[in-house]
Protein backbone atom coordinates (compact mmCIF):
# COMPACT_ATOMS: atom_id res chain seq x y z
CA UNK A 1 -7.07 -72.31 17.06
CA UNK A 2 -4.23 -70.10 15.84
CA UNK A 3 -0.82 -71.17 14.56
CA UNK A 4 1.82 -69.89 17.03
CA UNK A 5 3.86 -67.94 14.43
CA UNK A 6 3.05 -65.10 12.05
CA UNK A 7 3.74 -64.76 8.34
CA UNK A 8 7.12 -63.29 7.40
CA UNK A 9 9.75 -63.40 4.67
CA UNK A 10 10.50 -67.00 5.74
CA UNK A 11 6.96 -68.22 6.50
CA UNK A 12 3.83 -68.17 4.35
CA UNK A 13 0.33 -69.53 5.07
CA UNK A 14 -2.15 -70.93 2.55
CA UNK A 15 -5.62 -72.01 3.58
CA UNK A 16 -5.97 -74.28 0.55
CA UNK A 17 -3.43 -75.91 -1.71
CA UNK A 18 -2.45 -73.26 -4.29
CA UNK A 19 -1.69 -74.00 -7.93
CA UNK A 20 1.49 -75.91 -8.71
CA UNK A 21 3.03 -72.76 -10.26
CA UNK A 22 2.34 -70.66 -7.14
CA UNK A 23 3.95 -73.25 -4.88
CA UNK A 24 7.05 -73.54 -7.05
CA UNK A 25 7.53 -69.76 -7.23
CA UNK A 26 7.27 -69.46 -3.44
CA UNK A 27 9.75 -72.29 -2.85
CA UNK A 28 12.18 -70.76 -5.37
CA UNK A 29 11.84 -67.43 -3.53
CA UNK A 30 12.70 -69.11 -0.22
CA UNK A 31 15.72 -70.94 -1.70
CA UNK A 32 17.08 -67.78 -3.31
CA UNK A 33 17.16 -66.01 0.04
CA UNK A 34 17.03 -67.39 3.54
CA UNK A 35 15.03 -70.58 3.24
CA UNK A 36 11.50 -70.85 4.60
CA UNK A 37 8.30 -72.80 5.11
CA UNK A 38 5.05 -72.82 3.19
CA UNK A 39 2.27 -74.13 5.45
CA UNK A 40 -0.96 -75.25 3.79
CA UNK A 41 -4.09 -75.52 5.91
CA UNK A 42 -3.63 -72.24 7.78
CA UNK A 43 -5.55 -69.02 6.93
CA UNK A 44 -3.83 -65.65 6.49
CA UNK A 45 -4.80 -64.63 10.03
CA UNK A 46 -3.17 -67.79 11.45
CA UNK A 47 -6.38 -69.76 12.00
CA UNK A 48 -5.74 -73.48 11.50
CA UNK A 49 -8.31 -74.78 9.02
CA UNK A 50 -6.65 -78.07 8.04
CA UNK A 51 -6.70 -80.16 4.85
CA UNK A 52 -8.76 -83.22 3.83
CA UNK A 53 -6.75 -86.21 5.11
CA UNK A 54 -7.65 -88.45 2.19
CA UNK A 55 -5.85 -86.16 -0.30
CA UNK A 56 -2.66 -85.48 1.66
CA UNK A 57 -0.54 -88.49 0.62
CA UNK A 58 -1.27 -87.99 -3.06
CA UNK A 59 -0.51 -84.26 -2.73
CA UNK A 60 2.89 -84.91 -1.16
CA UNK A 61 3.92 -87.28 -3.95
CA UNK A 62 2.81 -84.82 -6.64
CA UNK A 63 4.67 -81.94 -5.00
CA UNK A 64 7.96 -83.86 -4.82
CA UNK A 65 7.69 -84.68 -8.53
CA UNK A 66 6.71 -81.15 -9.61
CA UNK A 67 9.45 -79.40 -7.68
CA UNK A 68 12.10 -81.85 -8.87
CA UNK A 69 11.11 -81.43 -12.53
CA UNK A 70 10.39 -77.70 -12.59
CA UNK A 71 13.37 -76.05 -10.88
CA UNK A 72 16.96 -75.33 -11.92
CA UNK A 73 19.14 -76.10 -10.02
CA UNK A 74 17.26 -79.01 -8.48
CA UNK A 75 15.37 -78.30 -5.25
CA UNK A 76 14.72 -81.14 -2.83
CA UNK A 77 12.29 -79.83 -0.18
CA UNK A 78 11.24 -81.44 3.07
CA UNK A 79 7.49 -82.12 2.79
CA UNK A 80 5.58 -83.47 5.76
CA UNK A 81 2.32 -83.21 7.68
CA UNK A 82 1.49 -82.38 11.27
CA UNK A 83 -1.71 -82.93 13.20
CA UNK A 84 -2.77 -80.12 15.52
CA UNK A 85 -5.76 -81.26 17.55
CA UNK A 86 -8.09 -82.67 14.88
CA UNK A 87 -6.60 -80.71 11.93
CA UNK A 88 -3.94 -81.89 9.47
CA UNK A 89 -1.64 -79.24 7.98
CA UNK A 90 1.01 -79.63 5.29
CA UNK A 91 4.56 -78.25 5.51
CA UNK A 92 6.84 -77.60 2.52
CA UNK A 93 10.22 -76.59 3.91
CA UNK A 94 13.48 -75.61 2.20
CA UNK A 95 16.80 -74.27 3.44
CA UNK A 96 18.88 -71.38 2.16
CA UNK A 97 20.00 -72.60 -1.27
CA UNK A 98 23.72 -73.15 -1.90
CA UNK A 99 23.50 -72.98 -5.72
CA UNK A 100 21.78 -69.65 -6.33
CA UNK A 101 20.08 -68.38 -8.36
CA UNK A 102 17.20 -70.88 -8.59
CA UNK A 103 14.59 -70.43 -11.30
CA UNK A 104 11.70 -72.04 -13.16
CA UNK A 105 13.26 -74.19 -15.86
CA UNK A 106 10.44 -73.51 -18.33
CA UNK A 107 10.88 -69.71 -18.06
CA UNK A 108 14.66 -69.47 -17.82
CA UNK A 109 16.83 -67.44 -15.48
CA UNK A 110 15.79 -63.93 -16.54
CA UNK A 111 12.03 -64.55 -16.41
CA UNK A 112 11.70 -67.43 -13.94
CA UNK A 113 13.80 -66.28 -10.97
CA UNK A 114 11.88 -65.26 -7.82
CA UNK A 115 12.77 -63.84 -4.41
CA UNK A 116 10.95 -62.99 -1.21
CA UNK A 117 10.13 -59.32 -0.55
CA UNK A 118 8.58 -59.08 2.86
CA UNK A 119 5.47 -61.28 2.81
CA UNK A 120 5.40 -61.53 -0.98
CA UNK A 121 7.15 -63.62 -3.63
CA UNK A 122 8.22 -61.40 -6.52
CA UNK A 123 10.12 -61.73 -9.76
CA UNK A 124 13.82 -60.97 -9.33
CA UNK A 125 15.23 -57.95 -11.11
CA UNK A 126 18.49 -58.23 -13.09
CA UNK A 127 20.41 -56.61 -10.22
CA UNK A 128 18.91 -59.11 -7.76
CA UNK A 129 19.92 -61.99 -10.01
CA UNK A 130 23.48 -60.68 -10.22
CA UNK A 131 23.66 -60.35 -6.44
CA UNK A 132 22.46 -63.97 -6.08
CA UNK A 133 25.21 -65.06 -8.46
CA UNK A 134 27.80 -63.21 -6.36
CA UNK A 135 26.47 -64.81 -3.19
CA UNK A 136 26.83 -68.25 -4.77
CA UNK A 137 30.51 -67.45 -5.42
CA UNK A 138 30.99 -66.17 -1.87
CA UNK A 139 31.50 -62.56 -2.98
CA UNK A 140 30.29 -59.43 -1.18
CA UNK A 141 29.15 -56.41 -3.16
CA UNK A 142 31.13 -53.73 -1.36
CA UNK A 143 34.34 -55.73 -1.89
CA UNK A 144 33.77 -56.00 -5.64
CA UNK A 145 36.16 -54.02 -7.86
CA UNK A 146 35.11 -51.04 -9.98
CA UNK A 147 36.97 -51.81 -13.19
CA UNK A 148 36.46 -48.35 -14.70
CA UNK A 149 38.20 -46.68 -11.74
CA UNK A 150 41.87 -46.46 -10.76
CA UNK A 151 43.78 -46.06 -7.51
CA UNK A 152 44.01 -42.33 -8.24
CA UNK A 153 40.23 -42.08 -7.71
CA UNK A 154 40.76 -42.62 -3.96
CA UNK A 155 41.52 -39.69 -1.67
CA UNK A 156 44.34 -41.21 0.38
CA UNK A 157 44.60 -38.11 2.59
CA UNK A 158 41.10 -38.83 3.94
CA UNK A 159 42.01 -42.45 4.58
CA UNK A 160 45.20 -41.38 6.40
CA UNK A 161 43.09 -39.11 8.62
CA UNK A 162 40.81 -42.04 9.40
CA UNK A 163 43.83 -44.16 10.38
CA UNK A 164 45.32 -41.40 12.56
CA UNK A 165 42.01 -41.04 14.40
CA UNK A 166 42.32 -44.73 15.22
CA UNK A 167 45.94 -44.23 16.38
CA UNK A 168 47.25 -46.28 13.45
CA UNK A 169 50.53 -45.01 12.09
CA UNK A 170 51.63 -46.47 8.77
CA UNK A 171 54.04 -45.65 5.99
CA UNK A 172 52.17 -47.76 3.47
CA UNK A 173 48.62 -46.50 2.90
CA UNK A 174 48.40 -48.70 -0.18
CA UNK A 175 48.86 -51.87 1.88
CA UNK A 176 46.33 -50.65 4.46
CA UNK A 177 43.81 -50.01 1.69
CA UNK A 178 44.23 -53.62 0.60
CA UNK A 179 43.84 -54.78 4.22
CA UNK A 180 40.58 -52.85 4.54
CA UNK A 181 39.35 -54.08 1.12
CA UNK A 182 39.23 -50.53 -0.20
CA UNK A 183 41.51 -51.68 -3.00
CA UNK A 184 41.18 -55.09 -4.68
CA UNK A 185 43.84 -56.95 -6.63
CA UNK A 186 42.57 -58.85 -9.64
CA UNK A 187 44.52 -60.20 -12.62
CA UNK A 188 47.67 -58.48 -11.29
CA UNK A 189 45.94 -55.11 -11.40
CA UNK A 190 44.65 -52.97 -8.53
CA UNK A 191 41.14 -51.51 -8.59
CA UNK A 192 39.14 -49.51 -6.02
CA UNK A 193 36.29 -51.50 -4.51
CA UNK A 194 32.70 -50.28 -4.18
CA UNK A 195 33.45 -49.53 -0.51
CA UNK A 196 36.70 -47.74 -1.38
CA UNK A 197 35.00 -45.28 -3.73
CA UNK A 198 31.95 -44.79 -1.50
CA UNK A 199 34.00 -44.10 1.62
CA UNK A 200 37.14 -42.36 0.35
CA UNK A 201 36.55 -41.58 -3.32
CA UNK A 202 37.41 -38.18 -4.75
CA UNK A 203 34.14 -38.17 -6.71
CA UNK A 204 32.15 -41.36 -5.98
CA UNK A 205 29.21 -40.41 -8.22
CA UNK A 206 31.47 -40.35 -11.27
CA UNK A 207 31.43 -44.16 -11.23
CA UNK A 208 28.41 -44.82 -8.97
CA UNK A 209 25.98 -42.21 -10.23
CA UNK A 210 22.98 -43.34 -8.14
CA UNK A 211 24.82 -43.77 -4.85
CA UNK A 212 23.59 -40.60 -3.17
CA UNK A 213 20.67 -39.28 -1.10
CA UNK A 214 17.81 -37.07 -2.27
CA UNK A 215 16.27 -35.11 0.60
CA UNK A 216 12.93 -33.38 0.00
CA UNK A 217 10.61 -31.38 2.26
CA UNK A 218 7.01 -31.63 1.03
CA UNK A 219 4.05 -29.45 1.75
CA UNK A 220 1.25 -31.31 3.53
CA UNK A 221 1.10 -35.09 3.84
CA UNK A 222 0.68 -36.19 0.21
CA UNK A 223 4.03 -35.30 -1.38
CA UNK A 224 2.54 -33.33 -4.26
CA UNK A 225 4.42 -30.07 -3.77
CA UNK A 226 8.06 -29.78 -2.75
CA UNK A 227 9.09 -26.92 -0.46
CA UNK A 228 12.81 -27.67 -0.64
CA UNK A 229 15.06 -30.39 -2.00
CA UNK A 230 18.77 -31.15 -1.97
CA UNK A 231 20.99 -33.87 -3.47
CA UNK A 232 23.46 -35.16 -0.88
CA UNK A 233 26.45 -36.34 -2.89
CA UNK A 234 30.10 -37.08 -2.13
CA UNK A 235 31.42 -39.83 0.12
CA UNK A 236 29.13 -41.65 2.54
CA UNK A 237 30.54 -39.51 5.36
CA UNK A 238 29.67 -36.34 3.44
CA UNK A 239 26.23 -37.65 2.51
CA UNK A 240 25.54 -38.42 6.16
CA UNK A 241 26.44 -34.93 7.33
CA UNK A 242 24.49 -33.18 4.54
CA UNK A 243 21.35 -35.28 5.03
CA UNK A 244 21.44 -34.92 8.82
CA UNK A 245 21.81 -31.14 8.49
CA UNK A 246 18.84 -31.00 6.11
CA UNK A 247 16.67 -32.97 8.54
CA UNK A 248 17.64 -31.16 11.72
CA UNK A 249 17.37 -27.72 10.09
CA UNK A 250 13.85 -28.31 8.79
CA UNK A 251 12.26 -30.16 11.70
CA UNK A 252 10.69 -28.29 14.57
CA UNK A 253 12.67 -27.56 17.75
CA UNK A 254 11.06 -26.82 21.06
CA UNK A 255 12.99 -25.02 23.76
CA UNK A 256 12.71 -23.85 27.33
CA UNK A 257 14.61 -21.13 29.15
CA UNK A 258 14.40 -21.86 32.88
CA UNK A 259 14.87 -18.54 34.69
CA UNK A 260 18.14 -16.98 33.65
CA UNK A 261 19.66 -20.40 32.93
CA UNK A 262 20.91 -21.73 29.59
CA UNK A 263 18.47 -22.41 26.81
CA UNK A 264 17.48 -26.08 26.38
CA UNK A 265 16.44 -27.34 22.96
CA UNK A 266 14.82 -30.55 21.83
CA UNK A 267 14.17 -31.72 18.29
CA UNK A 268 10.60 -32.90 17.75
CA UNK A 269 11.92 -36.31 16.59
CA UNK A 270 14.64 -37.85 18.79
CA UNK A 271 17.89 -36.87 17.09
CA UNK A 272 19.49 -40.22 17.85
CA UNK A 273 16.58 -41.88 16.02
CA UNK A 274 17.29 -39.75 12.94
CA UNK A 275 20.98 -40.62 13.12
CA UNK A 276 20.38 -44.35 13.44
CA UNK A 277 17.90 -44.49 10.57
CA UNK A 278 20.20 -42.48 8.34
CA UNK A 279 23.25 -44.59 9.24
CA UNK A 280 21.32 -47.81 8.63
CA UNK A 281 20.26 -46.53 5.22
CA UNK A 282 23.88 -45.78 4.30
CA UNK A 283 25.47 -48.93 5.71
CA UNK A 284 22.89 -51.55 4.72
CA UNK A 285 21.44 -50.36 1.40
CA UNK A 286 22.05 -52.32 -1.79
CA UNK A 287 24.44 -50.18 -3.81
CA UNK A 288 24.04 -52.36 -6.86
CA UNK A 289 20.46 -51.09 -7.32
CA UNK A 290 20.57 -48.07 -9.59
CA UNK A 291 18.53 -45.66 -7.55
CA UNK A 292 19.25 -43.14 -4.77
CA UNK A 293 18.29 -43.31 -1.14
CA UNK A 294 15.34 -40.96 -0.59
CA UNK A 295 14.40 -38.99 2.49
CA UNK A 296 11.10 -37.14 2.60
CA UNK A 297 9.74 -34.78 5.26
CA UNK A 298 5.95 -34.49 5.42
CA UNK A 299 3.81 -32.55 7.89
CA UNK A 300 3.12 -35.68 9.94
CA UNK A 301 6.15 -37.94 9.33
CA UNK A 302 9.65 -38.45 7.96
CA UNK A 303 10.23 -41.32 5.52
CA UNK A 304 13.59 -42.88 4.72
CA UNK A 305 13.47 -45.06 1.60
CA UNK A 306 16.50 -47.36 1.18
CA UNK A 307 17.11 -49.50 -1.96
CA UNK A 308 17.39 -53.23 -1.25
CA UNK A 309 15.54 -55.65 1.00
CA UNK A 310 16.64 -56.68 4.49
CA UNK A 311 20.03 -58.43 4.17
CA UNK A 312 18.80 -61.25 6.43
CA UNK A 313 15.61 -63.08 7.48
CA UNK A 314 14.42 -60.48 9.98
CA UNK A 315 10.84 -60.80 11.15
CA UNK A 316 9.03 -57.66 12.28
CA UNK A 317 8.78 -58.82 15.89
CA UNK A 318 12.57 -59.30 15.89
CA UNK A 319 13.47 -55.74 14.90
CA UNK A 320 14.26 -54.72 18.47
CA UNK A 321 16.02 -57.93 19.48
CA UNK A 322 19.48 -56.85 18.33
CA UNK A 323 19.64 -59.38 15.49
CA UNK A 324 21.68 -58.12 12.58
CA UNK A 325 22.70 -59.24 9.11
CA UNK A 326 25.41 -57.37 7.23
CA UNK A 327 25.23 -56.68 3.50
CA UNK A 328 28.21 -54.31 3.29
CA UNK A 329 30.83 -55.62 5.71
CA UNK A 330 33.58 -53.17 4.70
CA UNK A 331 31.35 -50.10 4.99
CA UNK A 332 30.00 -51.38 8.31
CA UNK A 333 33.51 -51.87 9.70
CA UNK A 334 34.71 -48.42 8.67
CA UNK A 335 31.63 -46.72 10.15
CA UNK A 336 32.09 -48.58 13.44
CA UNK A 337 35.79 -47.76 13.64
CA UNK A 338 34.98 -44.12 12.82
CA UNK A 339 32.68 -44.21 15.87
CA UNK A 340 29.60 -43.36 13.80
CA UNK A 341 27.90 -46.64 14.63
CA UNK A 342 28.16 -48.71 17.77
CA UNK A 343 27.96 -52.48 18.15
CA UNK A 344 26.13 -54.48 15.52
CA UNK A 345 22.42 -54.84 16.17
CA UNK A 346 21.97 -51.70 18.30
CA UNK A 347 20.59 -49.37 15.61
CA UNK A 348 16.94 -50.44 15.50
CA UNK A 349 16.87 -50.94 19.26
CA UNK A 350 18.03 -47.34 19.67
CA UNK A 351 15.43 -46.16 17.16
CA UNK A 352 12.45 -47.74 18.92
CA UNK A 353 13.85 -47.06 22.39
CA UNK A 354 14.32 -43.33 21.77
CA UNK A 355 10.68 -43.01 20.69
CA UNK A 356 9.50 -44.90 23.77
CA UNK A 357 11.56 -42.66 26.05
CA UNK A 358 9.68 -39.64 24.68
CA UNK A 359 6.32 -41.52 24.77
CA UNK A 360 5.81 -40.94 21.05
CA UNK A 361 3.91 -43.04 18.53
CA UNK A 362 6.28 -45.84 17.44
CA UNK A 363 8.20 -45.80 14.14
CA UNK A 364 7.44 -48.29 11.38
CA UNK A 365 9.95 -50.34 9.41
CA UNK A 366 8.45 -51.80 6.23
CA UNK A 367 9.95 -54.13 3.63
CA UNK A 368 8.71 -53.91 0.06
CA UNK A 369 9.74 -55.18 -3.35
CA UNK A 370 13.39 -54.15 -3.46
CA UNK A 371 13.31 -51.53 -0.71
CA UNK A 372 13.07 -50.92 3.02
CA UNK A 373 11.16 -47.88 4.25
CA UNK A 374 11.34 -46.42 7.74
CA UNK A 375 8.55 -44.07 8.84
CA UNK A 376 9.23 -41.72 11.75
CA UNK A 377 6.07 -40.00 13.07
CA UNK A 378 6.29 -36.26 13.75
CA UNK A 379 4.49 -35.49 17.00
CA UNK A 380 4.39 -31.67 16.86
CA UNK A 381 4.60 -30.75 13.22
CA UNK A 382 4.16 -27.28 11.87
CA UNK A 383 1.61 -26.83 9.09
CA UNK A 384 3.40 -26.25 5.82
CA UNK A 385 1.06 -23.43 4.72
CA UNK A 386 2.50 -19.96 5.15
CA UNK A 387 1.64 -18.26 8.42
CA UNK A 388 2.61 -14.86 9.75
CA UNK A 389 5.66 -14.16 11.84
CA UNK A 390 3.56 -13.16 14.83
CA UNK A 391 1.64 -16.46 14.60
CA UNK A 392 4.95 -18.33 14.57
CA UNK A 393 6.07 -16.28 17.55
CA UNK A 394 2.92 -17.12 19.52
CA UNK A 395 3.57 -20.79 18.85
CA UNK A 396 7.04 -20.46 20.37
CA UNK A 397 5.53 -18.86 23.43
CA UNK A 398 3.31 -21.92 23.92
CA UNK A 399 6.48 -23.90 24.55
CA UNK A 400 8.96 -21.48 26.13
CA UNK A 401 8.26 -19.60 29.36
CA UNK A 402 10.44 -16.71 28.24
CA UNK A 403 12.19 -15.75 25.01
CA UNK A 404 14.64 -13.11 23.81
CA UNK A 405 15.12 -11.27 20.54
CA UNK A 406 17.98 -13.68 19.75
CA UNK A 407 15.69 -16.67 20.30
CA UNK A 408 13.16 -15.26 17.81
CA UNK A 409 15.90 -14.51 15.26
CA UNK A 410 17.18 -18.10 15.44
CA UNK A 411 13.83 -19.92 15.52
CA UNK A 412 12.11 -17.83 12.81
CA UNK A 413 15.24 -17.17 10.73
CA UNK A 414 14.65 -13.42 10.64
CA UNK A 415 16.79 -10.32 11.14
CA UNK A 416 17.02 -8.51 14.48
CA UNK A 417 14.84 -5.62 13.30
CA UNK A 418 12.11 -8.03 12.17
CA UNK A 419 12.23 -10.02 15.40
CA UNK A 420 11.99 -6.81 17.42
CA UNK A 421 9.01 -5.63 15.32
CA UNK A 422 7.14 -8.94 15.84
CA UNK A 423 7.69 -8.74 19.60
CA UNK A 424 6.65 -5.08 19.80
CA UNK A 425 3.43 -5.86 17.91
CA UNK A 426 2.54 -8.57 20.44
CA UNK A 427 3.47 -6.31 23.35
CA UNK A 428 1.17 -3.57 21.97
CA UNK A 429 -1.66 -6.12 21.67
CA UNK A 430 -1.15 -7.24 25.25
CA UNK A 431 -0.27 -10.80 24.21
CA UNK A 432 3.33 -10.54 25.39
CA UNK A 433 4.86 -8.86 28.43
CA UNK A 434 8.28 -7.21 28.20
CA UNK A 435 10.66 -7.62 31.15
CA UNK A 436 13.91 -5.74 31.70
CA UNK A 437 15.91 -3.43 29.48
CA UNK A 438 18.81 -3.65 27.06
CA UNK A 439 20.57 -7.00 26.41
CA UNK A 440 18.78 -8.64 29.36
CA UNK A 441 15.29 -7.96 27.92
CA UNK A 442 13.02 -11.02 27.93
CA UNK A 443 9.46 -11.59 26.80
CA UNK A 444 6.81 -13.85 28.29
CA UNK A 445 3.14 -14.60 27.68
CA UNK A 446 0.67 -12.02 28.91
CA UNK A 447 -1.96 -12.83 31.49
């Protein structure tokens, strides 16, 4: 018999009772994030194996004692048993801790603090520990002040444009910056917040050097040789536009030209899927982690690597349910009011839905130790090895019924003379048929 749920960041199975240290680390990881349950007597695949009944009472008493003595601050879990058919399983359950960070007393805060990363319990990094401390004080990262910056580091003209686009007229941009938490008052001084610099800073990377996106196009599927790379710096709005341009300019476009009608293009990956993944990476990443967001194009996929784990206890089967947890509330609000994102919780639904509409292999969203990675399959990728212009042209003709010299110039990125030469070569070989004369000339596949 199978247990009705699957393992996640808030649920872990153990077939046998693990060592005392393993249990304590897992419970600390749950408390430091979203709470959770450790169920003993269930195999990794969900099969209920049960525990020896004669040892259960003694085990419960020992667990209460160990957890009470080993953790700082004190953790008081709910430990109980449940009988399913003829099997007894043990539950160790804790809620989201209110006194974070929790750690092993014997190892101290820096060495003994643990968090959940997907299905694993891992040692917390210094940045994770600091974020836990902020959470315990009710503080949000993007509202935290940047003490090394001043109000002059904000580009108020950009903020005024944002307000005008929302039909907000004000004579006091300073007060509106405070209202939006772009500026923070502390000890009678005013500082830009993380969100203020990231959204409207004159040079955000001056103070937040790793808050940018690295986009790379790799040859093949292994990532050993880069074809092109670009650093997308500036504000989050600028990073979004630069990264989106890199992606859309390097992915394959198919097109059709029905009769003499307008040309219709379609990106190989749904463009709204690219937008949603990119926006999610910008809005929900952990900007306290010193590392850039990374986007990689391979022959068979696009990967978007975002620093920071899920900001809430999302299970993989819940990704399309519209559940959402906000890490950066200020950034999220500005992006919504700028009409870049829609309602909360729609991003991943749009991602998976757009792939289903095109009947493509589904994307993957993976959570690792301190990162979330989204993998977008490429259905009709071009090989990254160099091929001739006429080979490229023949590939276009597999998709389009008819093409023009202008179509070839745009798709292959070549001059008019080169496009004309490629087409003439294929006409001479009988592969392509020429129709019409002058500006109305079109080319189609030969019989």
